[in-house]
Amino acid sequence: MAEKHKIIVYALSTCPYCKRTKRFLDAHKVVYEHVDVDLLDDSKQDEVLDKVEKLTGRKSFPVVIVGTEIIVGHDEQKLKKALNI
């Protein structure tokens, strides 16, 4: 179940797909942490961008991590499957 996994969303504050993903999670009452990468200071931003690129092979947003599953982009079907909703 999703409750057993820590859920993290890497997003950009101005990205419409990131906003849709957060709204989707909120609407389904999913507890998650989120990082708005563009609002971090430069050194932390570089660190997170490198992490996202290592995880996904690119610097695309949003990135949702559910346990060991990584979902890139706003994909409600993948989110539903990963979260068992």
Protein backbone atom coordinates (compact mmCIF):
# COMPACT_ATOMS: atom_id res chain seq x y z
CA MET A 1 0.00 0.00 0.00
CA ALA A 2 1.07 3.56 -0.69
CA GLU A 3 0.91 4.48 3.00
CA LYS A 4 4.00 2.36 3.64
CA HIS A 5 6.07 4.32 1.12
CA LYS A 6 7.51 7.77 1.46
CA ILE A 7 6.27 9.77 -1.52
CA ILE A 8 8.38 12.60 -2.87
CA VAL A 9 7.50 15.01 -5.68
CA TYR A 10 10.24 16.99 -7.40
CA ALA A 11 8.61 19.88 -9.21
CA LEU A 12 9.01 23.39 -10.56
CA SER A 13 6.82 26.07 -9.00
CA THR A 14 5.77 27.41 -12.42
CA CYS A 15 5.21 24.07 -14.18
CA PRO A 16 1.53 23.40 -15.03
CA TYR A 17 2.08 19.62 -15.11
CA CYS A 18 3.70 19.77 -11.67
CA LYS A 19 0.69 21.69 -10.35
CA ARG A 20 -1.68 19.10 -11.85
CA THR A 21 0.26 16.30 -10.21
CA LYS A 22 0.12 17.98 -6.79
CA ARG A 23 -3.62 18.67 -7.24
CA PHE A 24 -4.17 15.02 -8.18
CA LEU A 25 -2.32 13.83 -5.06
CA ASP A 26 -4.15 16.34 -2.87
CA ALA A 27 -7.54 15.32 -4.30
CA HIS A 28 -6.76 11.69 -3.40
CA LYS A 29 -5.57 12.71 0.07
CA VAL A 30 -2.10 11.33 -0.57
CA VAL A 31 0.52 12.47 1.94
CA TYR A 32 3.72 13.49 0.17
CA GLU A 33 6.76 15.67 0.44
CA HIS A 34 7.51 18.07 -2.37
CA VAL A 35 10.51 20.03 -3.48
CA ASP A 36 10.07 23.01 -5.79
CA VAL A 37 13.50 22.78 -7.36
CA ASP A 38 13.45 26.26 -8.91
CA LEU A 39 12.95 27.83 -5.46
CA LEU A 40 16.06 26.24 -3.93
CA ASP A 41 19.33 28.13 -3.61
CA ASP A 42 21.81 27.52 -6.44
CA SER A 43 23.97 24.85 -4.81
CA LYS A 44 20.99 22.86 -3.51
CA GLN A 45 19.26 23.26 -6.88
CA ASP A 46 22.29 21.78 -8.68
CA GLU A 47 22.37 18.90 -6.20
CA VAL A 48 18.68 18.06 -6.71
CA LEU A 49 18.91 18.43 -10.51
CA ASP A 50 21.81 15.97 -10.53
CA LYS A 51 19.80 13.57 -8.37
CA VAL A 52 16.76 13.82 -10.68
CA GLU A 53 18.95 13.22 -13.73
CA LYS A 54 20.57 10.17 -12.11
CA LEU A 55 17.13 8.76 -11.21
CA THR A 56 15.42 9.44 -14.55
CA GLY A 57 18.14 9.99 -17.13
CA ARG A 58 16.88 13.52 -17.78
CA LYS A 59 15.91 16.78 -16.12
CA SER A 60 12.15 16.66 -16.63
CA PHE A 61 9.44 17.51 -14.15
CA PRO A 62 7.43 16.51 -12.26
CA VAL A 63 9.16 13.44 -10.85
CA VAL A 64 7.14 11.42 -8.36
CA ILE A 65 8.89 8.76 -6.31
CA VAL A 66 6.67 6.14 -4.67
CA GLY A 67 8.87 3.63 -2.89
CA THR A 68 11.12 2.31 -5.66
CA GLU A 69 8.83 3.45 -8.49
CA ILE A 70 9.74 6.62 -10.37
CA ILE A 71 7.12 8.42 -12.46
CA VAL A 72 8.25 11.22 -14.77
CA GLY A 73 5.65 13.67 -16.01
CA HIS A 74 1.99 14.01 -15.09
CA ASP A 75 0.60 10.51 -15.63
CA GLU A 76 -2.54 9.83 -13.60
CA GLN A 77 -2.75 6.17 -14.64
CA LYS A 78 0.78 5.44 -13.43
CA LEU A 79 0.12 7.40 -10.24
CA LYS A 80 -3.08 5.45 -9.55
CA LYS A 81 -1.26 2.16 -10.10
CA ALA A 82 1.73 3.11 -7.93
CA LEU A 83 -0.54 4.42 -5.15
CA ASN A 84 -3.15 1.64 -5.38
CA ILE A 85 -6.01 4.09 -5.90
